[in-house]
Amino acid sequence: MLEMTEIAPRIVADEGIRFGKPVIKGTRVPVDLVVGKLAGGMTVEQVAEEYELEREDVLAALHYAAEAVAGEQVRPVR
């Protein structure tokens, strides 16, 4: 069984929490939820308040998502 692993500052993964999806450390709030709320128009402060996070947690989720996307390789489908 996978132990809780810090995969980025303030971001952890644990099989026992949200099926191993990346979450904000010390919570069950998934990174994709935080990023999705921001994409939907909520402010950093609104997301932090709604999910009882610190501003730095929300920014860490954005940073983690940016790093994940930066590492992707896009290949055209023919």
Protein backbone atom coordinates (compact mmCIF):
# COMPACT_ATOMS: atom_id res chain seq x y z
CA MET A 1 0.00 0.00 0.00
CA LEU A 2 1.25 3.48 -0.94
CA GLU A 3 2.14 5.78 1.92
CA MET A 4 1.37 9.46 1.84
CA THR A 5 3.98 10.98 -0.43
CA GLU A 6 4.65 14.67 -0.85
CA ILE A 7 4.84 15.03 -4.63
CA ALA A 8 5.24 18.82 -4.60
CA PRO A 9 5.26 21.50 -1.91
CA ARG A 10 1.87 21.28 -0.12
CA ILE A 11 0.67 18.53 -2.50
CA VAL A 12 0.47 14.86 -1.48
CA ALA A 13 -0.73 11.56 -2.89
CA ASP A 14 -2.00 8.63 -0.83
CA GLU A 15 -3.95 5.57 -2.08
CA GLY A 16 -6.23 5.91 0.93
CA ILE A 17 -7.25 9.49 0.09
CA ARG A 18 -9.23 10.18 -3.08
CA PHE A 19 -7.86 7.01 -4.73
CA GLY A 20 -4.34 8.43 -4.81
CA LYS A 21 -5.21 11.62 -6.66
CA PRO A 22 -3.04 14.63 -5.73
CA VAL A 23 -4.61 16.58 -2.86
CA ILE A 24 -3.71 19.57 -0.72
CA LYS A 25 -1.62 18.31 2.21
CA GLY A 26 -3.67 17.83 5.37
CA THR A 27 -6.98 17.84 3.46
CA ARG A 28 -9.02 15.70 1.09
CA VAL A 29 -9.29 18.56 -1.43
CA PRO A 30 -8.06 17.39 -4.86
CA VAL A 31 -5.76 19.60 -6.91
CA ASP A 32 -8.00 19.22 -9.97
CA LEU A 33 -10.98 20.58 -8.01
CA VAL A 34 -9.02 23.66 -6.94
CA VAL A 35 -7.77 24.33 -10.48
CA GLY A 36 -11.25 23.73 -11.90
CA LYS A 37 -12.82 26.24 -9.52
CA LEU A 38 -10.24 28.84 -10.53
CA ALA A 39 -10.87 28.08 -14.21
CA GLY A 40 -14.57 28.53 -13.53
CA GLY A 41 -14.01 32.08 -12.34
CA MET A 42 -13.57 31.84 -8.59
CA THR A 43 -10.76 33.92 -7.11
CA VAL A 44 -7.90 32.44 -5.13
CA GLU A 45 -9.44 33.93 -1.99
CA GLN A 46 -12.88 32.47 -2.73
CA VAL A 47 -11.47 28.98 -3.29
CA ALA A 48 -9.37 29.23 -0.13
CA GLU A 49 -12.39 30.30 1.91
CA GLU A 50 -14.79 27.73 0.43
CA TYR A 51 -12.45 24.77 1.02
CA GLU A 52 -10.79 26.05 4.21
CA LEU A 53 -7.37 26.32 2.55
CA GLU A 54 -4.59 28.84 2.84
CA ARG A 55 -3.88 31.10 -0.12
CA GLU A 56 -0.53 29.33 -0.48
CA ASP A 57 -2.34 25.97 -0.83
CA VAL A 58 -4.34 27.27 -3.79
CA LEU A 59 -1.22 28.70 -5.41
CA ALA A 60 0.61 25.40 -4.82
CA ALA A 61 -2.19 23.57 -6.66
CA LEU A 62 -1.79 25.95 -9.61
CA HIS A 63 1.97 25.48 -9.60
CA TYR A 64 1.62 21.70 -9.50
CA ALA A 65 -0.85 21.76 -12.41
CA ALA A 66 1.44 24.03 -14.44
CA GLU A 67 4.37 21.68 -13.87
CA ALA A 68 2.25 18.67 -14.87
CA VAL A 69 1.14 20.34 -18.11
CA ALA A 70 4.67 21.52 -18.88
CA GLY A 71 5.85 17.93 -18.83
CA GLU A 72 3.25 16.72 -21.34
CA GLN A 73 4.14 15.92 -24.92
CA VAL A 74 1.47 16.66 -27.50
CA ARG A 75 1.45 14.54 -30.63
CA PRO A 76 -0.90 15.22 -33.53
CA VAL A 77 -3.34 12.49 -34.46
CA ARG A 78 -3.34 11.69 -38.16
